Amino acid sequence: MYYNLYTKKEFSGKNLEKLQSTNLQGGFCTFYQARKMGATVIKGSKAVCKLSRMVQDGKETEFRSYPVFHESQLERKENN
């Protein structure tokens, strides 16, 4: 299963194909999504792939790509 750790939604389409090619399963998120969850990306980690998303800005529609990290590349902060 391939899903976004932050939104809990499953990936589909071309993004799913890109994630399947990484041979990793489980949760993925962007750098900023990890920060919002209180986690950090382990220093030196490289994004496993870049996912695309269609964004509509006014009248223009464009594709934007986002580098994503696998859940094994994250360090979750402990609450004291």
PDB file of N, CA and C in Angstrom:
ATOM      1  N   MET A   1       0.839  -1.174   0.000  1.00  0.00           N
ATOM      2  CA  MET A   1       0.000   0.000   0.000  1.00  0.00           C
ATOM      3  C   MET A   1       0.889   1.244   0.000  1.00  0.00           C
ATOM      4  N   TYR A   2       0.528   2.198  -0.796  1.00  0.00           N
ATOM      5  CA  TYR A   2       1.271   3.445  -0.934  1.00  0.00           C
ATOM      6  C   TYR A   2       0.338   4.593  -0.558  1.00  0.00           C
ATOM      7  N   TYR A   3       0.685   5.313   0.503  1.00  0.00           N
ATOM      8  CA  TYR A   3      -0.197   6.378   0.965  1.00  0.00           C
ATOM      9  C   TYR A   3       0.628   7.555   1.476  1.00  0.00           C
ATOM     10  N   ASN A   4      -0.044   8.702   1.584  1.00  0.00           N
ATOM     11  CA  ASN A   4       0.576   9.902   2.109  1.00  0.00           C
ATOM     12  C   ASN A   4       0.465   9.868   3.631  1.00  0.00           C
ATOM     13  N   LEU A   5       1.594   9.949   4.312  1.00  0.00           N
ATOM     14  CA  LEU A   5       1.605   9.898   5.783  1.00  0.00           C
ATOM     15  C   LEU A   5       0.813  11.040   6.408  1.00  0.00           C
ATOM     16  N   TYR A   6       0.825  12.200   5.768  1.00  0.00           N
ATOM     17  CA  TYR A   6       0.194  13.388   6.335  1.00  0.00           C
ATOM     18  C   TYR A   6      -1.325  13.383   6.112  1.00  0.00           C
ATOM     19  N   THR A   7      -1.753  13.087   4.888  1.00  0.00           N
ATOM     20  CA  THR A   7      -3.181  13.148   4.561  1.00  0.00           C
ATOM     21  C   THR A   7      -3.883  11.799   4.715  1.00  0.00           C
ATOM     22  N   LYS A   8      -3.108  10.719   4.808  1.00  0.00           N
ATOM     23  CA  LYS A   8      -3.630   9.348   4.909  1.00  0.00           C
ATOM     24  C   LYS A   8      -4.347   8.889   3.637  1.00  0.00           C
ATOM     25  N   LYS A   9      -4.172   9.619   2.526  1.00  0.00           N
ATOM     26  CA  LYS A   9      -4.802   9.243   1.257  1.00  0.00           C
ATOM     27  C   LYS A   9      -3.851   8.357   0.459  1.00  0.00           C
ATOM     28  N   GLU A  10      -4.433   7.408  -0.281  1.00  0.00           N
ATOM     29  CA  GLU A  10      -3.631   6.525  -1.116  1.00  0.00           C
ATOM     30  C   GLU A  10      -3.268   7.229  -2.417  1.00  0.00           C
ATOM     31  N   PHE A  11      -2.084   6.913  -2.940  1.00  0.00           N
ATOM     32  CA  PHE A  11      -1.654   7.468  -4.211  1.00  0.00           C
ATOM     33  C   PHE A  11      -2.290   6.687  -5.351  1.00  0.00           C
ATOM     34  N   SER A  12      -2.434   7.337  -6.509  1.00  0.00           N
ATOM     35  CA  SER A  12      -3.011   6.675  -7.672  1.00  0.00           C
ATOM     36  C   SER A  12      -2.336   7.187  -8.936  1.00  0.00           C
ATOM     37  N   GLY A  13      -2.637   6.552 -10.060  1.00  0.00           N
ATOM     38  CA  GLY A  13      -2.142   6.993 -11.359  1.00  0.00           C
ATOM     39  C   GLY A  13      -0.634   6.896 -11.501  1.00  0.00           C
ATOM     40  N   LYS A  14      -0.061   7.884 -12.180  1.00  0.00           N
ATOM     41  CA  LYS A  14       1.379   7.902 -12.439  1.00  0.00           C
ATOM     42  C   LYS A  14       2.193   7.963 -11.157  1.00  0.00           C
ATOM     43  N   ASN A  15       1.670   8.667 -10.158  1.00  0.00           N
ATOM     44  CA  ASN A  15       2.394   8.749  -8.882  1.00  0.00           C
ATOM     45  C   ASN A  15       2.519   7.375  -8.240  1.00  0.00           C
ATOM     46  N   LEU A  16       1.488   6.566  -8.343  1.00  0.00           N
ATOM     47  CA  LEU A  16       1.538   5.212  -7.799  1.00  0.00           C
ATOM     48  C   LEU A  16       2.608   4.394  -8.536  1.00  0.00           C
ATOM     49  N   GLU A  17       2.661   4.530  -9.858  1.00  0.00           N
ATOM     50  CA  GLU A  17       3.667   3.816 -10.649  1.00  0.00           C
ATOM     51  C   GLU A  17       5.079   4.235 -10.252  1.00  0.00           C
ATOM     52  N   LYS A  18       5.281   5.525 -10.019  1.00  0.00           N
ATOM     53  CA  LYS A  18       6.601   6.016  -9.606  1.00  0.00           C
ATOM     54  C   LYS A  18       7.004   5.439  -8.256  1.00  0.00           C
ATOM     55  N   LEU A  19       6.057   5.385  -7.321  1.00  0.00           N
ATOM     56  CA  LEU A  19       6.355   4.846  -5.995  1.00  0.00           C
ATOM     57  C   LEU A  19       6.610   3.344  -6.050  1.00  0.00           C
ATOM     58  N   GLN A  20       5.889   2.621  -6.877  1.00  0.00           N
ATOM     59  CA  GLN A  20       6.100   1.183  -7.014  1.00  0.00           C
ATOM     60  C   GLN A  20       7.487   0.883  -7.546  1.00  0.00           C
ATOM     61  N   SER A  21       8.023   1.769  -8.382  1.00  0.00           N
ATOM     62  CA  SER A  21       9.357   1.555  -8.950  1.00  0.00           C
ATOM     63  C   SER A  21      10.470   1.731  -7.912  1.00  0.00           C
ATOM     64  N   THR A  22      10.156   2.300  -6.750  1.00  0.00           N
ATOM     65  CA  THR A  22      11.167   2.486  -5.705  1.00  0.00           C
ATOM     66  C   THR A  22      11.396   1.214  -4.887  1.00  0.00           C
ATOM     67  N   ASN A  23      10.520   0.231  -5.022  1.00  0.00           N
ATOM     68  CA  ASN A  23      10.580  -1.013  -4.242  1.00  0.00           C
ATOM     69  C   ASN A  23      10.398  -0.773  -2.740  1.00  0.00           C
ATOM     70  N   LEU A  24       9.819   0.343  -2.374  1.00  0.00           N
ATOM     71  CA  LEU A  24       9.481   0.644  -0.979  1.00  0.00           C
ATOM     72  C   LEU A  24       7.968   0.674  -0.865  1.00  0.00           C
ATOM     73  N   GLN A  25       7.436   0.192   0.244  1.00  0.00           N
ATOM     74  CA  GLN A  25       6.000   0.249   0.473  1.00  0.00           C
ATOM     75  C   GLN A  25       5.722   0.993   1.763  1.00  0.00           C
ATOM     76  N   GLY A  26       4.521   1.521   1.866  1.00  0.00           N
ATOM     77  CA  GLY A  26       4.140   2.201   3.090  1.00  0.00           C
ATOM     78  C   GLY A  26       3.859   3.668   2.850  1.00  0.00           C
ATOM     79  N   GLY A  27       4.213   4.491   3.845  1.00  0.00           N
ATOM     80  CA  GLY A  27       3.892   5.904   3.806  1.00  0.00           C
ATOM     81  C   GLY A  27       5.002   6.763   3.235  1.00  0.00           C
ATOM     82  N   PHE A  28       4.595   7.827   2.566  1.00  0.00           N
ATOM     83  CA  PHE A  28       5.509   8.790   1.966  1.00  0.00           C
ATOM     84  C   PHE A  28       5.010  10.183   2.287  1.00  0.00           C
ATOM     85  N   CYS A  29       5.920  11.154   2.345  1.00  0.00           N
ATOM     86  CA  CYS A  29       5.507  12.538   2.577  1.00  0.00           C
ATOM     87  C   CYS A  29       6.595  13.482   2.087  1.00  0.00           C
ATOM     88  N   THR A  30       6.230  14.745   1.956  1.00  0.00           N
ATOM     89  CA  THR A  30       7.212  15.760   1.581  1.00  0.00           C
ATOM     90  C   THR A  30       7.954  16.224   2.834  1.00  0.00           C
ATOM     91  N   PHE A  31       8.997  16.989   2.625  1.00  0.00           N
ATOM     92  CA  PHE A  31       9.788  17.523   3.731  1.00  0.00           C
ATOM     93  C   PHE A  31       8.916  18.358   4.669  1.00  0.00           C
ATOM     94  N   TYR A  32       8.096  19.225   4.084  1.00  0.00           N
ATOM     95  CA  TYR A  32       7.274  20.117   4.903  1.00  0.00           C
ATOM     96  C   TYR A  32       6.141  19.372   5.598  1.00  0.00           C
ATOM     97  N   GLN A  33       5.609  18.324   4.979  1.00  0.00           N
ATOM     98  CA  GLN A  33       4.596  17.519   5.648  1.00  0.00           C
ATOM     99  C   GLN A  33       5.195  16.820   6.861  1.00  0.00           C
ATOM    100  N   ALA A  34       6.440  16.356   6.727  1.00  0.00           N
ATOM    101  CA  ALA A  34       7.122  15.717   7.853  1.00  0.00           C
ATOM    102  C   ALA A  34       7.261  16.706   9.010  1.00  0.00           C
ATOM    103  N   ARG A  35       7.647  17.931   8.697  1.00  0.00           N
ATOM    104  CA  ARG A  35       7.786  18.953   9.744  1.00  0.00           C
ATOM    105  C   ARG A  35       6.463  19.239  10.433  1.00  0.00           C
ATOM    106  N   LYS A  36       5.379  19.293   9.652  1.00  0.00           N
ATOM    107  CA  LYS A  36       4.062  19.541  10.233  1.00  0.00           C
ATOM    108  C   LYS A  36       3.647  18.422  11.180  1.00  0.00           C
ATOM    109  N   MET A  37       4.135  17.207  10.935  1.00  0.00           N
ATOM    110  CA  MET A  37       3.805  16.063  11.796  1.00  0.00           C
ATOM    111  C   MET A  37       4.739  15.970  12.994  1.00  0.00           C
ATOM    112  N   GLY A  38       5.712  16.881  13.085  1.00  0.00           N
ATOM    113  CA  GLY A  38       6.643  16.851  14.200  1.00  0.00           C
ATOM    114  C   GLY A  38       7.801  15.896  13.987  1.00  0.00           C
ATOM    115  N   ALA A  39       8.079  15.556  12.732  1.00  0.00           N
ATOM    116  CA  ALA A  39       9.189  14.662  12.408  1.00  0.00           C
ATOM    117  C   ALA A  39      10.238  15.433  11.609  1.00  0.00           C
ATOM    118  N   THR A  40      11.410  14.852  11.488  1.00  0.00           N
ATOM    119  CA  THR A  40      12.452  15.436  10.651  1.00  0.00           C
ATOM    120  C   THR A  40      12.963  14.372   9.697  1.00  0.00           C
ATOM    121  N   VAL A  41      13.461  14.818   8.558  1.00  0.00           N
ATOM    122  CA  VAL A  41      14.083  13.908   7.603  1.00  0.00           C
ATOM    123  C   VAL A  41      15.507  13.680   8.074  1.00  0.00           C
ATOM    124  N   ILE A  42      15.930  12.430   8.124  1.00  0.00           N
ATOM    125  CA  ILE A  42      17.278  12.091   8.582  1.00  0.00           C
ATOM    126  C   ILE A  42      18.306  12.789   7.696  1.00  0.00           C
ATOM    127  N   LYS A  43      19.289  13.411   8.324  1.00  0.00           N
ATOM    128  CA  LYS A  43      20.306  14.172   7.609  1.00  0.00           C
ATOM    129  C   LYS A  43      20.982  13.297   6.557  1.00  0.00           C
ATOM    130  N   GLY A  44      21.112  13.828   5.354  1.00  0.00           N
ATOM    131  CA  GLY A  44      21.749  13.116   4.262  1.00  0.00           C
ATOM    132  C   GLY A  44      20.805  12.268   3.427  1.00  0.00           C
ATOM    133  N   SER A  45      19.543  12.176   3.855  1.00  0.00           N
ATOM    134  CA  SER A  45      18.563  11.386   3.095  1.00  0.00           C
ATOM    135  C   SER A  45      18.229  12.074   1.784  1.00  0.00           C
ATOM    136  N   LYS A  46      18.071  11.275   0.761  1.00  0.00           N
ATOM    137  CA  LYS A  46      17.673  11.780  -0.557  1.00  0.00           C
ATOM    138  C   LYS A  46      16.218  11.388  -0.791  1.00  0.00           C
ATOM    139  N   ALA A  47      15.484  12.237  -1.471  1.00  0.00           N
ATOM    140  CA  ALA A  47      14.098  11.931  -1.809  1.00  0.00           C
ATOM    141  C   ALA A  47      14.063  10.657  -2.651  1.00  0.00           C
ATOM    142  N   VAL A  48      13.073   9.813  -2.426  1.00  0.00           N
ATOM    143  CA  VAL A  48      12.988   8.549  -3.164  1.00  0.00           C
ATOM    144  C   VAL A  48      12.468   8.758  -4.577  1.00  0.00           C
ATOM    145  N   CYS A  49      11.651   9.770  -4.805  1.00  0.00           N
ATOM    146  CA  CYS A  49      11.198  10.129  -6.149  1.00  0.00           C
ATOM    147  C   CYS A  49      10.480  11.472  -6.089  1.00  0.00           C
ATOM    148  N   LYS A  50      10.143  11.983  -7.273  1.00  0.00           N
ATOM    149  CA  LYS A  50       9.378  13.225  -7.355  1.00  0.00           C
ATOM    150  C   LYS A  50       7.997  12.896  -7.888  1.00  0.00           C
ATOM    151  N   LEU A  51       6.983  13.305  -7.154  1.00  0.00           N
ATOM    152  CA  LEU A  51       5.613  13.085  -7.570  1.00  0.00           C
ATOM    153  C   LEU A  51       5.061  14.362  -8.186  1.00  0.00           C
ATOM    154  N   SER A  52       4.099  14.204  -9.096  1.00  0.00           N
ATOM    155  CA  SER A  52       3.518  15.349  -9.792  1.00  0.00           C
ATOM    156  C   SER A  52       2.088  15.584  -9.343  1.00  0.00           C
ATOM    157  N   ARG A  53       1.692  16.831  -9.438  1.00  0.00           N
ATOM    158  CA  ARG A  53       0.332  17.201  -9.072  1.00  0.00           C
ATOM    159  C   ARG A  53      -0.113  18.363  -9.953  1.00  0.00           C
ATOM    160  N   MET A  54      -1.344  18.317 -10.426  1.00  0.00           N
ATOM    161  CA  MET A  54      -1.867  19.395 -11.244  1.00  0.00           C
ATOM    162  C   MET A  54      -2.379  20.493 -10.324  1.00  0.00           C
ATOM    163  N   VAL A  55      -1.919  21.714 -10.554  1.00  0.00           N
ATOM    164  CA  VAL A  55      -2.299  22.854  -9.724  1.00  0.00           C
ATOM    165  C   VAL A  55      -2.897  23.923 -10.632  1.00  0.00           C
ATOM    166  N   GLN A  56      -4.052  24.434 -10.232  1.00  0.00           N
ATOM    167  CA  GLN A  56      -4.686  25.497 -11.010  1.00  0.00           C
ATOM    168  C   GLN A  56      -4.474  26.816 -10.296  1.00  0.00           C
ATOM    169  N   ASP A  57      -3.818  27.728 -10.985  1.00  0.00           N
ATOM    170  CA  ASP A  57      -3.516  29.049 -10.436  1.00  0.00           C
ATOM    171  C   ASP A  57      -4.230  30.084 -11.295  1.00  0.00           C
ATOM    172  N   GLY A  58      -5.399  30.491 -10.855  1.00  0.00           N
ATOM    173  CA  GLY A  58      -6.198  31.413 -11.659  1.00  0.00           C
ATOM    174  C   GLY A  58      -6.703  30.700 -12.895  1.00  0.00           C
ATOM    175  N   LYS A  59      -6.333  31.214 -14.070  1.00  0.00           N
ATOM    176  CA  LYS A  59      -6.755  30.588 -15.320  1.00  0.00           C
ATOM    177  C   LYS A  59      -5.766  29.531 -15.795  1.00  0.00           C
ATOM    178  N   GLU A  60      -4.560  29.555 -15.259  1.00  0.00           N
ATOM    179  CA  GLU A  60      -3.520  28.628 -15.703  1.00  0.00           C
ATOM    180  C   GLU A  60      -3.540  27.329 -14.913  1.00  0.00           C
ATOM    181  N   THR A  61      -3.294  26.242 -15.629  1.00  0.00           N
ATOM    182  CA  THR A  61      -3.166  24.934 -14.996  1.00  0.00           C
ATOM    183  C   THR A  61      -1.769  24.429 -15.306  1.00  0.00           C
ATOM    184  N   GLU A  62      -1.072  23.966 -14.285  1.00  0.00           N
ATOM    185  CA  GLU A  62       0.290  23.473 -14.493  1.00  0.00           C
ATOM    186  C   GLU A  62       0.556  22.274 -13.591  1.00  0.00           C
ATOM    187  N   PHE A  63       1.569  21.511 -13.965  1.00  0.00           N
ATOM    188  CA  PHE A  63       2.001  20.406 -13.128  1.00  0.00           C
ATOM    189  C   PHE A  63       3.163  20.873 -12.271  1.00  0.00           C
ATOM    190  N   ARG A  64       3.117  20.532 -11.004  1.00  0.00           N
ATOM    191  CA  ARG A  64       4.225  20.816 -10.095  1.00  0.00           C
ATOM    192  C   ARG A  64       4.730  19.493  -9.558  1.00  0.00           C
ATOM    193  N   SER A  65       6.024  19.412  -9.357  1.00  0.00           N
ATOM    194  CA  SER A  65       6.570  18.168  -8.821  1.00  0.00           C
ATOM    195  C   SER A  65       7.088  18.398  -7.405  1.00  0.00           C
ATOM    196  N   TYR A  66       6.946  17.365  -6.600  1.00  0.00           N
ATOM    197  CA  TYR A  66       7.308  17.432  -5.189  1.00  0.00           C
ATOM    198  C   TYR A  66       8.172  16.233  -4.827  1.00  0.00           C
ATOM    199  N   PRO A  67       9.357  16.455  -4.268  1.00  0.00           N
ATOM    200  CA  PRO A  67      10.158  15.322  -3.804  1.00  0.00           C
ATOM    201  C   PRO A  67       9.528  14.721  -2.546  1.00  0.00           C
ATOM    202  N   VAL A  68       9.494  13.392  -2.478  1.00  0.00           N
ATOM    203  CA  VAL A  68       8.904  12.724  -1.322  1.00  0.00           C
ATOM    204  C   VAL A  68       9.904  11.777  -0.666  1.00  0.00           C
ATOM    205  N   PHE A  69       9.710  11.578   0.626  1.00  0.00           N
ATOM    206  CA  PHE A  69      10.566  10.725   1.439  1.00  0.00           C
ATOM    207  C   PHE A  69       9.741   9.569   1.982  1.00  0.00           C
ATOM    208  N   HIS A  70      10.378   8.428   2.152  1.00  0.00           N
ATOM    209  CA  HIS A  70       9.725   7.252   2.721  1.00  0.00           C
ATOM    210  C   HIS A  70       9.726   7.380   4.241  1.00  0.00           C
ATOM    211  N   GLU A  71       8.770   6.720   4.880  1.00  0.00           N
ATOM    212  CA  GLU A  71       8.658   6.805   6.333  1.00  0.00           C
ATOM    213  C   GLU A  71       9.910   6.313   7.051  1.00  0.00           C
ATOM    214  N   SER A  72      10.701   5.442   6.426  1.00  0.00           N
ATOM    215  CA  SER A  72      11.936   4.948   7.057  1.00  0.00           C
ATOM    216  C   SER A  72      13.024   6.017   7.092  1.00  0.00           C
ATOM    217  N   GLN A  73      12.836   7.119   6.368  1.00  0.00           N
ATOM    218  CA  GLN A  73      13.803   8.207   6.342  1.00  0.00           C
ATOM    219  C   GLN A  73      13.459   9.313   7.345  1.00  0.00           C
ATOM    220  N   LEU A  74      12.465   9.078   8.166  1.00  0.00           N
ATOM    221  CA  LEU A  74      12.016  10.103   9.113  1.00  0.00           C
ATOM    222  C   LEU A  74      12.388   9.752  10.525  1.00  0.00           C
ATOM    223  N   GLU A  75      12.700  10.776  11.318  1.00  0.00           N
ATOM    224  CA  GLU A  75      12.891  10.629  12.762  1.00  0.00           C
ATOM    225  C   GLU A  75      11.746  11.369  13.432  1.00  0.00           C
ATOM    226  N   ARG A  76      11.023  10.655  14.210  1.00  0.00           N
ATOM    227  CA  ARG A  76       9.889  11.270  14.912  1.00  0.00           C
ATOM    228  C   ARG A  76      10.382  11.797  16.266  1.00  0.00           C
ATOM    229  N   LYS A  77      10.003  13.035  16.542  1.00  0.00           N
ATOM    230  CA  LYS A  77      10.430  13.651  17.793  1.00  0.00           C
ATOM    231  C   LYS A  77       9.590  13.113  18.935  1.00  0.00           C
ATOM    232  N   GLU A  78      10.243  12.849  20.036  1.00  0.00           N
ATOM    233  CA  GLU A  78       9.552  12.363  21.234  1.00  0.00           C
ATOM    234  C   GLU A  78       9.036  13.562  22.019  1.00  0.00           C
ATOM    235  N   ASN A  79       7.818  13.472  22.503  1.00  0.00           N
ATOM    236  CA  ASN A  79       7.256  14.523  23.367  1.00  0.00           C
ATOM    237  C   ASN A  79       7.676  14.278  24.799  1.00  0.00           C
ATOM    238  N   ASN A  80       8.323  15.256  25.410  1.00  0.00           N
ATOM    239  CA  ASN A  80       8.773  15.094  26.805  1.00  0.00           C
ATOM    240  C   ASN A  80       7.703  15.497  27.768  1.00  0.00           C
TER     241      ASN A  80
END
